[in-house]
Amino acid sequence: MQHGTNRYGLKLGCFTTVDNSGVTIILAVSLLADETTESFEWAFHQLNRTFCIPPRVIFTDSDPAMGAAIASVMPHTIHFLCTFHLSQNLYKHIHPLFRGGKSEAWNVFCTAW
């Protein structure tokens, strides 16, 4: 299934954690009509209401609306970008600079990354 293509066009958000055994646990989910700061603020308020305290750390993609909502609703939560999304952006925007016989330089860059 492709993102946002359910019957109602709603966006699914999953709040997850990883336990001390490395198992991913779904804590909560949200269905949002859009990906605006206001919608994310609502979802984060509901998360805080349910768990009574905000998370210490949160990892997200680089959505600016989500970043603004985290800063607004959970100002003491440390916001990091997901390494998967960072790697995707790195490949998309940096890899083209290493084309044309520069594969060894790309390998050195990736090793350093």
PDB file of N, CA and C in Angstrom:
ATOM      1  N   MET A   1       0.844  -1.182   0.000  1.00  0.00           N
ATOM      2  CA  MET A   1       0.000   0.000   0.000  1.00  0.00           C
ATOM      3  C   MET A   1       0.890   1.247   0.000  1.00  0.00           C
ATOM      4  N   GLN A   2       0.536   2.202  -0.783  1.00  0.00           N
ATOM      5  CA  GLN A   2       1.287   3.440  -0.881  1.00  0.00           C
ATOM      6  C   GLN A   2       0.787   4.448   0.149  1.00  0.00           C
ATOM      7  N   HIS A   3       1.700   5.273   0.651  1.00  0.00           N
ATOM      8  CA  HIS A   3       1.390   6.274   1.674  1.00  0.00           C
ATOM      9  C   HIS A   3       0.217   7.157   1.255  1.00  0.00           C
ATOM     10  N   GLY A   4      -0.765   7.303   2.150  1.00  0.00           N
ATOM     11  CA  GLY A   4      -1.880   8.212   1.919  1.00  0.00           C
ATOM     12  C   GLY A   4      -2.903   7.729   0.908  1.00  0.00           C
ATOM     13  N   THR A   5      -2.899   6.438   0.588  1.00  0.00           N
ATOM     14  CA  THR A   5      -3.832   5.964  -0.443  1.00  0.00           C
ATOM     15  C   THR A   5      -4.941   5.097   0.131  1.00  0.00           C
ATOM     16  N   ASN A   6      -5.178   5.181   1.449  1.00  0.00           N
ATOM     17  CA  ASN A   6      -6.279   4.409   2.008  1.00  0.00           C
ATOM     18  C   ASN A   6      -7.602   5.006   1.540  1.00  0.00           C
ATOM     19  N   ARG A   7      -8.674   4.326   1.815  1.00  0.00           N
ATOM     20  CA  ARG A   7     -10.003   4.715   1.338  1.00  0.00           C
ATOM     21  C   ARG A   7     -10.349   6.166   1.659  1.00  0.00           C
ATOM     22  N   TYR A   8      -9.905   6.650   2.807  1.00  0.00           N
ATOM     23  CA  TYR A   8     -10.279   7.992   3.254  1.00  0.00           C
ATOM     24  C   TYR A   8      -9.189   9.034   3.022  1.00  0.00           C
ATOM     25  N   GLY A   9      -8.060   8.618   2.466  1.00  0.00           N
ATOM     26  CA  GLY A   9      -6.970   9.546   2.189  1.00  0.00           C
ATOM     27  C   GLY A   9      -6.274  10.055   3.440  1.00  0.00           C
ATOM     28  N   LEU A  10      -6.406   9.341   4.544  1.00  0.00           N
ATOM     29  CA  LEU A  10      -5.801   9.774   5.803  1.00  0.00           C
ATOM     30  C   LEU A  10      -4.348   9.331   5.889  1.00  0.00           C
ATOM     31  N   LYS A  11      -3.557  10.109   6.614  1.00  0.00           N
ATOM     32  CA  LYS A  11      -2.143   9.809   6.813  1.00  0.00           C
ATOM     33  C   LYS A  11      -2.000   9.041   8.123  1.00  0.00           C
ATOM     34  N   LEU A  12      -1.297   7.921   8.083  1.00  0.00           N
ATOM     35  CA  LEU A  12      -1.077   7.101   9.265  1.00  0.00           C
ATOM     36  C   LEU A  12       0.239   7.503   9.905  1.00  0.00           C
ATOM     37  N   GLY A  13       0.195   7.795  11.186  1.00  0.00           N
ATOM     38  CA  GLY A  13       1.402   8.074  11.955  1.00  0.00           C
ATOM     39  C   GLY A  13       1.545   7.032  13.041  1.00  0.00           C
ATOM     40  N   CYS A  14       2.733   6.483  13.195  1.00  0.00           N
ATOM     41  CA  CYS A  14       2.982   5.477  14.224  1.00  0.00           C
ATOM     42  C   CYS A  14       3.976   6.022  15.239  1.00  0.00           C
ATOM     43  N   PHE A  15       3.624   5.930  16.499  1.00  0.00           N
ATOM     44  CA  PHE A  15       4.523   6.275  17.588  1.00  0.00           C
ATOM     45  C   PHE A  15       5.085   4.959  18.110  1.00  0.00           C
ATOM     46  N   THR A  16       6.376   4.766  17.957  1.00  0.00           N
ATOM     47  CA  THR A  16       7.002   3.503  18.332  1.00  0.00           C
ATOM     48  C   THR A  16       8.160   3.739  19.288  1.00  0.00           C
ATOM     49  N   THR A  17       8.576   2.664  19.917  1.00  0.00           N
ATOM     50  CA  THR A  17       9.772   2.672  20.750  1.00  0.00           C
ATOM     51  C   THR A  17      10.485   1.348  20.531  1.00  0.00           C
ATOM     52  N   VAL A  18      11.698   1.268  21.030  1.00  0.00           N
ATOM     53  CA  VAL A  18      12.469   0.028  20.956  1.00  0.00           C
ATOM     54  C   VAL A  18      12.780  -0.393  22.378  1.00  0.00           C
ATOM     55  N   ASP A  19      12.447  -1.646  22.716  1.00  0.00           N
ATOM     56  CA  ASP A  19      12.701  -2.106  24.084  1.00  0.00           C
ATOM     57  C   ASP A  19      14.159  -2.524  24.246  1.00  0.00           C
ATOM     58  N   ASN A  20      14.519  -2.946  25.446  1.00  0.00           N
ATOM     59  CA  ASN A  20      15.921  -3.272  25.717  1.00  0.00           C
ATOM     60  C   ASN A  20      16.387  -4.542  25.007  1.00  0.00           C
ATOM     61  N   SER A  21      15.487  -5.271  24.351  1.00  0.00           N
ATOM     62  CA  SER A  21      15.866  -6.438  23.552  1.00  0.00           C
ATOM     63  C   SER A  21      15.976  -6.098  22.073  1.00  0.00           C
ATOM     64  N   GLY A  22      15.732  -4.834  21.725  1.00  0.00           N
ATOM     65  CA  GLY A  22      15.790  -4.416  20.326  1.00  0.00           C
ATOM     66  C   GLY A  22      14.500  -4.624  19.559  1.00  0.00           C
ATOM     67  N   VAL A  23      13.414  -4.934  20.259  1.00  0.00           N
ATOM     68  CA  VAL A  23      12.121  -5.165  19.615  1.00  0.00           C
ATOM     69  C   VAL A  23      11.355  -3.846  19.499  1.00  0.00           C
ATOM     70  N   THR A  24      10.839  -3.569  18.320  1.00  0.00           N
ATOM     71  CA  THR A  24      10.043  -2.367  18.097  1.00  0.00           C
ATOM     72  C   THR A  24       8.629  -2.596  18.625  1.00  0.00           C
ATOM     73  N   ILE A  25       8.146  -1.628  19.398  1.00  0.00           N
ATOM     74  CA  ILE A  25       6.815  -1.714  19.983  1.00  0.00           C
ATOM     75  C   ILE A  25       6.011  -0.505  19.525  1.00  0.00           C
ATOM     76  N   ILE A  26       4.821  -0.739  19.004  1.00  0.00           N
ATOM     77  CA  ILE A  26       3.935   0.358  18.620  1.00  0.00           C
ATOM     78  C   ILE A  26       3.218   0.838  19.874  1.00  0.00           C
ATOM     79  N   LEU A  27       3.406   2.113  20.208  1.00  0.00           N
ATOM     80  CA  LEU A  27       2.772   2.711  21.384  1.00  0.00           C
ATOM     81  C   LEU A  27       1.409   3.294  21.053  1.00  0.00           C
ATOM     82  N   ALA A  28       1.315   3.941  19.911  1.00  0.00           N
ATOM     83  CA  ALA A  28       0.076   4.608  19.513  1.00  0.00           C
ATOM     84  C   ALA A  28       0.136   4.860  18.012  1.00  0.00           C
ATOM     85  N   VAL A  29      -1.023   5.120  17.432  1.00  0.00           N
ATOM     86  CA  VAL A  29      -1.105   5.498  16.023  1.00  0.00           C
ATOM     87  C   VAL A  29      -2.020   6.713  15.902  1.00  0.00           C
ATOM     88  N   SER A  30      -1.862   7.426  14.817  1.00  0.00           N
ATOM     89  CA  SER A  30      -2.761   8.546  14.541  1.00  0.00           C
ATOM     90  C   SER A  30      -3.175   8.482  13.073  1.00  0.00           C
ATOM     91  N   LEU A  31      -4.366   8.954  12.802  1.00  0.00           N
ATOM     92  CA  LEU A  31      -4.843   9.129  11.438  1.00  0.00           C
ATOM     93  C   LEU A  31      -5.118  10.609  11.259  1.00  0.00           C
ATOM     94  N   LEU A  32      -4.388  11.234  10.357  1.00  0.00           N
ATOM     95  CA  LEU A  32      -4.491  12.678  10.155  1.00  0.00           C
ATOM     96  C   LEU A  32      -5.003  12.983   8.754  1.00  0.00           C
ATOM     97  N   ALA A  33      -5.820  14.006   8.671  1.00  0.00           N
ATOM     98  CA  ALA A  33      -6.353  14.419   7.367  1.00  0.00           C
ATOM     99  C   ALA A  33      -5.286  15.092   6.515  1.00  0.00           C
ATOM    100  N   ASP A  34      -4.316  15.736   7.168  1.00  0.00           N
ATOM    101  CA  ASP A  34      -3.248  16.412   6.441  1.00  0.00           C
ATOM    102  C   ASP A  34      -1.995  16.425   7.296  1.00  0.00           C
ATOM    103  N   GLU A  35      -0.920  16.929   6.733  1.00  0.00           N
ATOM    104  CA  GLU A  35       0.353  16.966   7.436  1.00  0.00           C
ATOM    105  C   GLU A  35       0.751  18.409   7.736  1.00  0.00           C
ATOM    106  N   THR A  36      -0.134  19.110   8.412  1.00  0.00           N
ATOM    107  CA  THR A  36       0.135  20.496   8.799  1.00  0.00           C
ATOM    108  C   THR A  36       0.656  20.532  10.234  1.00  0.00           C
ATOM    109  N   THR A  37       1.229  21.645  10.598  1.00  0.00           N
ATOM    110  CA  THR A  37       1.705  21.817  11.972  1.00  0.00           C
ATOM    111  C   THR A  37       0.567  21.602  12.953  1.00  0.00           C
ATOM    112  N   GLU A  38      -0.612  22.127  12.647  1.00  0.00           N
ATOM    113  CA  GLU A  38      -1.761  22.000  13.543  1.00  0.00           C
ATOM    114  C   GLU A  38      -2.168  20.533  13.739  1.00  0.00           C
ATOM    115  N   SER A  39      -2.159  19.759  12.675  1.00  0.00           N
ATOM    116  CA  SER A  39      -2.508  18.336  12.788  1.00  0.00           C
ATOM    117  C   SER A  39      -1.480  17.590  13.620  1.00  0.00           C
ATOM    118  N   PHE A  40      -0.197  17.871  13.393  1.00  0.00           N
ATOM    119  CA  PHE A  40       0.846  17.216  14.179  1.00  0.00           C
ATOM    120  C   PHE A  40       0.777  17.654  15.640  1.00  0.00           C
ATOM    121  N   GLU A  41       0.467  18.935  15.881  1.00  0.00           N
ATOM    122  CA  GLU A  41       0.324  19.396  17.263  1.00  0.00           C
ATOM    123  C   GLU A  41      -0.791  18.622  17.969  1.00  0.00           C
ATOM    124  N   TRP A  42      -1.903  18.419  17.271  1.00  0.00           N
ATOM    125  CA  TRP A  42      -3.003  17.652  17.854  1.00  0.00           C
ATOM    126  C   TRP A  42      -2.532  16.240  18.218  1.00  0.00           C
ATOM    127  N   ALA A  43      -1.826  15.580  17.292  1.00  0.00           N
ATOM    128  CA  ALA A  43      -1.361  14.208  17.537  1.00  0.00           C
ATOM    129  C   ALA A  43      -0.398  14.165  18.721  1.00  0.00           C
ATOM    130  N   PHE A  44       0.507  15.139  18.813  1.00  0.00           N
ATOM    131  CA  PHE A  44       1.466  15.152  19.922  1.00  0.00           C
ATOM    132  C   PHE A  44       0.782  15.477  21.251  1.00  0.00           C
ATOM    133  N   HIS A  45      -0.224  16.332  21.223  1.00  0.00           N
ATOM    134  CA  HIS A  45      -0.995  16.598  22.449  1.00  0.00           C
ATOM    135  C   HIS A  45      -1.699  15.328  22.925  1.00  0.00           C
ATOM    136  N   GLN A  46      -2.240  14.565  21.977  1.00  0.00           N
ATOM    137  CA  GLN A  46      -2.917  13.319  22.351  1.00  0.00           C
ATOM    138  C   GLN A  46      -1.920  12.308  22.922  1.00  0.00           C
ATOM    139  N   LEU A  47      -0.744  12.255  22.331  1.00  0.00           N
ATOM    140  CA  LEU A  47       0.297  11.359  22.846  1.00  0.00           C
ATOM    141  C   LEU A  47       0.664  11.749  24.280  1.00  0.00           C
ATOM    142  N   ASN A  48       0.878  13.045  24.504  1.00  0.00           N
ATOM    143  CA  ASN A  48       1.224  13.525  25.847  1.00  0.00           C
ATOM    144  C   ASN A  48       0.089  13.259  26.836  1.00  0.00           C
ATOM    145  N   ARG A  49      -1.141  13.446  26.396  1.00  0.00           N
ATOM    146  CA  ARG A  49      -2.294  13.210  27.271  1.00  0.00           C
ATOM    147  C   ARG A  49      -2.391  11.735  27.668  1.00  0.00           C
ATOM    148  N   THR A  50      -2.108  10.865  26.716  1.00  0.00           N
ATOM    149  CA  THR A  50      -2.193   9.430  26.970  1.00  0.00           C
ATOM    150  C   THR A  50      -1.077   8.940  27.892  1.00  0.00           C
ATOM    151  N   PHE A  51       0.155   9.397  27.643  1.00  0.00           N
ATOM    152  CA  PHE A  51       1.292   8.887  28.406  1.00  0.00           C
ATOM    153  C   PHE A  51       1.704   9.806  29.555  1.00  0.00           C
ATOM    154  N   CYS A  52       1.068  10.947  29.685  1.00  0.00           N
ATOM    155  CA  CYS A  52       1.271  11.897  30.787  1.00  0.00           C
ATOM    156  C   CYS A  52       2.597  12.648  30.763  1.00  0.00           C
ATOM    157  N   ILE A  53       3.581  12.171  30.063  1.00  0.00           N
ATOM    158  CA  ILE A  53       4.850  12.890  29.934  1.00  0.00           C
ATOM    159  C   ILE A  53       5.318  12.786  28.481  1.00  0.00           C
ATOM    160  N   PRO A  54       5.934  13.833  27.972  1.00  0.00           N
ATOM    161  CA  PRO A  54       6.433  13.766  26.596  1.00  0.00           C
ATOM    162  C   PRO A  54       7.692  12.895  26.525  1.00  0.00           C
ATOM    163  N   PRO A  55       7.995  12.385  25.340  1.00  0.00           N
ATOM    164  CA  PRO A  55       9.224  11.596  25.201  1.00  0.00           C
ATOM    165  C   PRO A  55      10.459  12.475  25.382  1.00  0.00           C
ATOM    166  N   ARG A  56      11.553  11.882  25.800  1.00  0.00           N
ATOM    167  CA  ARG A  56      12.815  12.622  25.931  1.00  0.00           C
ATOM    168  C   ARG A  56      13.421  12.899  24.568  1.00  0.00           C
ATOM    169  N   VAL A  57      13.273  11.932  23.658  1.00  0.00           N
ATOM    170  CA  VAL A  57      13.866  12.014  22.325  1.00  0.00           C
ATOM    171  C   VAL A  57      12.829  11.537  21.321  1.00  0.00           C
ATOM    172  N   ILE A  58      12.831  12.158  20.140  1.00  0.00           N
ATOM    173  CA  ILE A  58      11.943  11.721  19.063  1.00  0.00           C
ATOM    174  C   ILE A  58      12.714  11.775  17.749  1.00  0.00           C
ATOM    175  N   PHE A  59      12.535  10.756  16.911  1.00  0.00           N
ATOM    176  CA  PHE A  59      13.150  10.687  15.589  1.00  0.00           C
ATOM    177  C   PHE A  59      12.045  10.822  14.548  1.00  0.00           C
ATOM    178  N   THR A  60      12.261  11.682  13.563  1.00  0.00           N
ATOM    179  CA  THR A  60      11.278  11.875  12.495  1.00  0.00           C
ATOM    180  C   THR A  60      11.995  12.033  11.165  1.00  0.00           C
ATOM    181  N   ASP A  61      11.197  12.128  10.093  1.00  0.00           N
ATOM    182  CA  ASP A  61      11.777  12.537   8.827  1.00  0.00           C
ATOM    183  C   ASP A  61      11.980  14.056   8.907  1.00  0.00           C
ATOM    184  N   SER A  62      12.293  14.686   7.835  1.00  0.00           N
ATOM    185  CA  SER A  62      12.621  16.115   7.893  1.00  0.00           C
ATOM    186  C   SER A  62      11.430  17.020   7.600  1.00  0.00           C
ATOM    187  N   ASP A  63      10.221  16.578   7.887  1.00  0.00           N
ATOM    188  CA  ASP A  63       9.021  17.374   7.647  1.00  0.00           C
ATOM    189  C   ASP A  63       9.046  18.631   8.518  1.00  0.00           C
ATOM    190  N   PRO A  64       9.092  19.822   7.923  1.00  0.00           N
ATOM    191  CA  PRO A  64       9.163  21.059   8.707  1.00  0.00           C
ATOM    192  C   PRO A  64       7.949  21.276   9.609  1.00  0.00           C
ATOM    193  N   ALA A  65       6.767  20.858   9.158  1.00  0.00           N
ATOM    194  CA  ALA A  65       5.562  21.020   9.976  1.00  0.00           C
ATOM    195  C   ALA A  65       5.644  20.157  11.232  1.00  0.00           C
ATOM    196  N   MET A  66       6.189  18.956  11.096  1.00  0.00           N
ATOM    197  CA  MET A  66       6.332  18.080  12.248  1.00  0.00           C
ATOM    198  C   MET A  66       7.374  18.650  13.215  1.00  0.00           C
ATOM    199  N   GLY A  67       8.460  19.171  12.683  1.00  0.00           N
ATOM    200  CA  GLY A  67       9.484  19.790  13.527  1.00  0.00           C
ATOM    201  C   GLY A  67       8.929  20.968  14.312  1.00  0.00           C
ATOM    202  N   ALA A  68       8.116  21.784  13.663  1.00  0.00           N
ATOM    203  CA  ALA A  68       7.504  22.938  14.343  1.00  0.00           C
ATOM    204  C   ALA A  68       6.538  22.477  15.428  1.00  0.00           C
ATOM    205  N   ALA A  69       5.784  21.413  15.158  1.00  0.00           N
ATOM    206  CA  ALA A  69       4.832  20.897  16.143  1.00  0.00           C
ATOM    207  C   ALA A  69       5.566  20.335  17.363  1.00  0.00           C
ATOM    208  N   ILE A  70       6.661  19.644  17.137  1.00  0.00           N
ATOM    209  CA  ILE A  70       7.449  19.105  18.256  1.00  0.00           C
ATOM    210  C   ILE A  70       7.969  20.248  19.114  1.00  0.00           C
ATOM    211  N   ALA A  71       8.520  21.271  18.480  1.00  0.00           N
ATOM    212  CA  ALA A  71       9.049  22.420  19.225  1.00  0.00           C
ATOM    213  C   ALA A  71       7.953  23.121  20.022  1.00  0.00           C
ATOM    214  N   SER A  72       6.755  23.168  19.479  1.00  0.00           N
ATOM    215  CA  SER A  72       5.641  23.846  20.135  1.00  0.00           C
ATOM    216  C   SER A  72       5.056  23.034  21.290  1.00  0.00           C
ATOM    217  N   VAL A  73       4.809  21.754  21.054  1.00  0.00           N
ATOM    218  CA  VAL A  73       4.107  20.918  22.030  1.00  0.00           C
ATOM    219  C   VAL A  73       5.063  20.280  23.032  1.00  0.00           C
ATOM    220  N   MET A  74       6.267  19.941  22.571  1.00  0.00           N
ATOM    221  CA  MET A  74       7.226  19.241  23.427  1.00  0.00           C
ATOM    222  C   MET A  74       8.574  19.963  23.402  1.00  0.00           C
ATOM    223  N   PRO A  75       8.646  21.179  23.948  1.00  0.00           N
ATOM    224  CA  PRO A  75       9.857  21.990  23.809  1.00  0.00           C
ATOM    225  C   PRO A  75      11.111  21.390  24.451  1.00  0.00           C
ATOM    226  N   HIS A  76      10.948  20.468  25.379  1.00  0.00           N
ATOM    227  CA  HIS A  76      12.113  19.873  26.039  1.00  0.00           C
ATOM    228  C   HIS A  76      12.506  18.525  25.439  1.00  0.00           C
ATOM    229  N   THR A  77      11.751  18.089  24.438  1.00  0.00           N
ATOM    230  CA  THR A  77      12.066  16.838  23.741  1.00  0.00           C
ATOM    231  C   THR A  77      13.147  17.113  22.706  1.00  0.00           C
ATOM    232  N   ILE A  78      14.154  16.257  22.668  1.00  0.00           N
ATOM    233  CA  ILE A  78      15.240  16.383  21.679  1.00  0.00           C
ATOM    234  C   ILE A  78      14.758  15.756  20.378  1.00  0.00           C
ATOM    235  N   HIS A  79      14.844  16.524  19.298  1.00  0.00           N
ATOM    236  CA  HIS A  79      14.346  16.081  17.993  1.00  0.00           C
ATOM    237  C   HIS A  79      15.532  15.734  17.094  1.00  0.00           C
ATOM    238  N   PHE A  80      15.606  14.468  16.694  1.00  0.00           N
ATOM    239  CA  PHE A  80      16.628  14.004  15.765  1.00  0.00           C
ATOM    240  C   PHE A  80      15.967  13.596  14.455  1.00  0.00           C
ATOM    241  N   LEU A  81      16.750  13.631  13.385  1.00  0.00           N
ATOM    242  CA  LEU A  81      16.264  13.137  12.103  1.00  0.00           C
ATOM    243  C   LEU A  81      16.625  11.669  11.970  1.00  0.00           C
ATOM    244  N   CYS A  82      15.718  10.915  11.424  1.00  0.00           N
ATOM    245  CA  CYS A  82      15.881   9.481  11.217  1.00  0.00           C
ATOM    246  C   CYS A  82      17.050   9.211  10.273  1.00  0.00           C
ATOM    247  N   THR A  83      17.933   8.297  10.654  1.00  0.00           N
ATOM    248  CA  THR A  83      19.104   8.010   9.825  1.00  0.00           C
ATOM    249  C   THR A  83      18.710   7.410   8.476  1.00  0.00           C
ATOM    250  N   PHE A  84      17.595   6.699   8.413  1.00  0.00           N
ATOM    251  CA  PHE A  84      17.131   6.164   7.134  1.00  0.00           C
ATOM    252  C   PHE A  84      16.834   7.306   6.167  1.00  0.00           C
ATOM    253  N   HIS A  85      16.096   8.311   6.644  1.00  0.00           N
ATOM    254  CA  HIS A  85      15.755   9.433   5.775  1.00  0.00           C
ATOM    255  C   HIS A  85      16.983  10.282   5.444  1.00  0.00           C
ATOM    256  N   LEU A  86      17.887  10.433   6.395  1.00  0.00           N
ATOM    257  CA  LEU A  86      19.128  11.147   6.106  1.00  0.00           C
ATOM    258  C   LEU A  86      19.918  10.433   5.012  1.00  0.00           C
ATOM    259  N   SER A  87      19.987   9.106   5.098  1.00  0.00           N
ATOM    260  CA  SER A  87      20.705   8.330   4.086  1.00  0.00           C
ATOM    261  C   SER A  87      20.049   8.452   2.716  1.00  0.00           C
ATOM    262  N   GLN A  88      18.718   8.445   2.689  1.00  0.00           N
ATOM    263  CA  GLN A  88      18.015   8.627   1.415  1.00  0.00           C
ATOM    264  C   GLN A  88      18.348   9.980   0.799  1.00  0.00           C
ATOM    265  N   ASN A  89      18.306  11.023   1.625  1.00  0.00           N
ATOM    266  CA  ASN A  89      18.612  12.362   1.123  1.00  0.00           C
ATOM    267  C   ASN A  89      20.064  12.474   0.677  1.00  0.00           C
ATOM    268  N   LEU A  90      20.962  11.847   1.419  1.00  0.00           N
ATOM    269  CA  LEU A  90      22.374  11.857   1.063  1.00  0.00           C
ATOM    270  C   LEU A  90      22.563  11.225  -0.314  1.00  0.00           C
ATOM    271  N   TYR A  91      21.970  10.051  -0.511  1.00  0.00           N
ATOM    272  CA  TYR A  91      22.114   9.368  -1.794  1.00  0.00           C
ATOM    273  C   TYR A  91      21.506  10.190  -2.926  1.00  0.00           C
ATOM    274  N   LYS A  92      20.343  10.754  -2.689  1.00  0.00           N
ATOM    275  CA  LYS A  92      19.644  11.513  -3.726  1.00  0.00           C
ATOM    276  C   LYS A  92      20.404  12.774  -4.132  1.00  0.00           C
ATOM    277  N   HIS A  93      20.964  13.481  -3.153  1.00  0.00           N
ATOM    278  CA  HIS A  93      21.550  14.790  -3.440  1.00  0.00           C
ATOM    279  C   HIS A  93      23.069  14.792  -3.589  1.00  0.00           C
ATOM    280  N   ILE A  94      23.751  13.848  -2.961  1.00  0.00           N
ATOM    281  CA  ILE A  94      25.212  13.836  -3.006  1.00  0.00           C
ATOM    282  C   ILE A  94      25.755  12.826  -4.010  1.00  0.00           C
ATOM    283  N   HIS A  95      25.127  11.671  -4.117  1.00  0.00           N
ATOM    284  CA  HIS A  95      25.618  10.623  -5.009  1.00  0.00           C
ATOM    285  C   HIS A  95      25.829  11.106  -6.444  1.00  0.00           C
ATOM    286  N   PRO A  96      24.956  11.939  -7.013  1.00  0.00           N
ATOM    287  CA  PRO A  96      25.191  12.400  -8.387  1.00  0.00           C
ATOM    288  C   PRO A  96      26.523  13.123  -8.573  1.00  0.00           C
ATOM    289  N   LEU A  97      27.082  13.690  -7.512  1.00  0.00           N
ATOM    290  CA  LEU A  97      28.376  14.378  -7.626  1.00  0.00           C
ATOM    291  C   LEU A  97      29.526  13.405  -7.854  1.00  0.00           C
ATOM    292  N   PHE A  98      29.300  12.124  -7.601  1.00  0.00           N
ATOM    293  CA  PHE A  98      30.356  11.118  -7.698  1.00  0.00           C
ATOM    294  C   PHE A  98      30.221  10.247  -8.943  1.00  0.00           C
ATOM    295  N   ARG A  99      29.386  10.627  -9.859  1.00  0.00           N
ATOM    296  CA  ARG A  99      29.229   9.845 -11.095  1.00  0.00           C
ATOM    297  C   ARG A  99      30.403  10.115 -12.038  1.00  0.00           C
ATOM    298  N   GLY A 100      30.501   9.301 -13.050  1.00  0.00           N
ATOM    299  CA  GLY A 100      31.533   9.512 -14.064  1.00  0.00           C
ATOM    300  C   GLY A 100      32.903   9.047 -13.621  1.00  0.00           C
ATOM    301  N   GLY A 101      33.013   7.812 -13.159  1.00  0.00           N
ATOM    302  CA  GLY A 101      34.315   7.256 -12.800  1.00  0.00           C
ATOM    303  C   GLY A 101      34.800   7.607 -11.412  1.00  0.00           C
ATOM    304  N   LYS A 102      33.916   8.120 -10.578  1.00  0.00           N
ATOM    305  CA  LYS A 102      34.313   8.501  -9.224  1.00  0.00           C
ATOM    306  C   LYS A 102      33.753   7.537  -8.178  1.00  0.00           C
ATOM    307  N   SER A 103      33.583   6.264  -8.579  1.00  0.00           N
ATOM    308  CA  SER A 103      32.965   5.306  -7.659  1.00  0.00           C
ATOM    309  C   SER A 103      33.832   5.051  -6.432  1.00  0.00           C
ATOM    310  N   GLU A 104      35.156   5.065  -6.576  1.00  0.00           N
ATOM    311  CA  GLU A 104      36.040   4.862  -5.425  1.00  0.00           C
ATOM    312  C   GLU A 104      35.887   6.016  -4.432  1.00  0.00           C
ATOM    313  N   ALA A 105      35.768   7.240  -4.932  1.00  0.00           N
ATOM    314  CA  ALA A 105      35.566   8.398  -4.051  1.00  0.00           C
ATOM    315  C   ALA A 105      34.224   8.284  -3.334  1.00  0.00           C
ATOM    316  N   TRP A 106      33.203   7.781  -4.034  1.00  0.00           N
ATOM    317  CA  TRP A 106      31.892   7.572  -3.400  1.00  0.00           C
ATOM    318  C   TRP A 106      32.010   6.545  -2.275  1.00  0.00           C
ATOM    319  N   ASN A 107      32.763   5.463  -2.513  1.00  0.00           N
ATOM    320  CA  ASN A 107      32.953   4.443  -1.486  1.00  0.00           C
ATOM    321  C   ASN A 107      33.663   5.017  -0.261  1.00  0.00           C
ATOM    322  N   VAL A 108      34.656   5.850  -0.473  1.00  0.00           N
ATOM    323  CA  VAL A 108      35.366   6.488   0.635  1.00  0.00           C
ATOM    324  C   VAL A 108      34.411   7.407   1.401  1.00  0.00           C
ATOM    325  N   PHE A 109      33.595   8.174   0.662  1.00  0.00           N
ATOM    326  CA  PHE A 109      32.632   9.066   1.291  1.00  0.00           C
ATOM    327  C   PHE A 109      31.631   8.290   2.138  1.00  0.00           C
ATOM    328  N   CYS A 110      31.094   7.198   1.570  1.00  0.00           N
ATOM    329  CA  CYS A 110      30.107   6.384   2.295  1.00  0.00           C
ATOM    330  C   CYS A 110      30.714   5.764   3.549  1.00  0.00           C
ATOM    331  N   THR A 111      31.969   5.325   3.463  1.00  0.00           N
ATOM    332  CA  THR A 111      32.636   4.755   4.635  1.00  0.00           C
ATOM    333  C   THR A 111      32.775   5.810   5.732  1.00  0.00           C
ATOM    334  N   ALA A 112      33.103   7.016   5.344  1.00  0.00           N
ATOM    335  CA  ALA A 112      33.223   8.115   6.321  1.00  0.00           C
ATOM    336  C   ALA A 112      31.864   8.478   6.912  1.00  0.00           C
ATOM    337  N   TRP A 113      30.826   8.386   6.115  1.00  0.00           N
ATOM    338  CA  TRP A 113      29.468   8.713   6.568  1.00  0.00           C
ATOM    339  C   TRP A 113      29.054   7.736   7.632  1.00  0.00           C
TER     340      TRP A 113
END
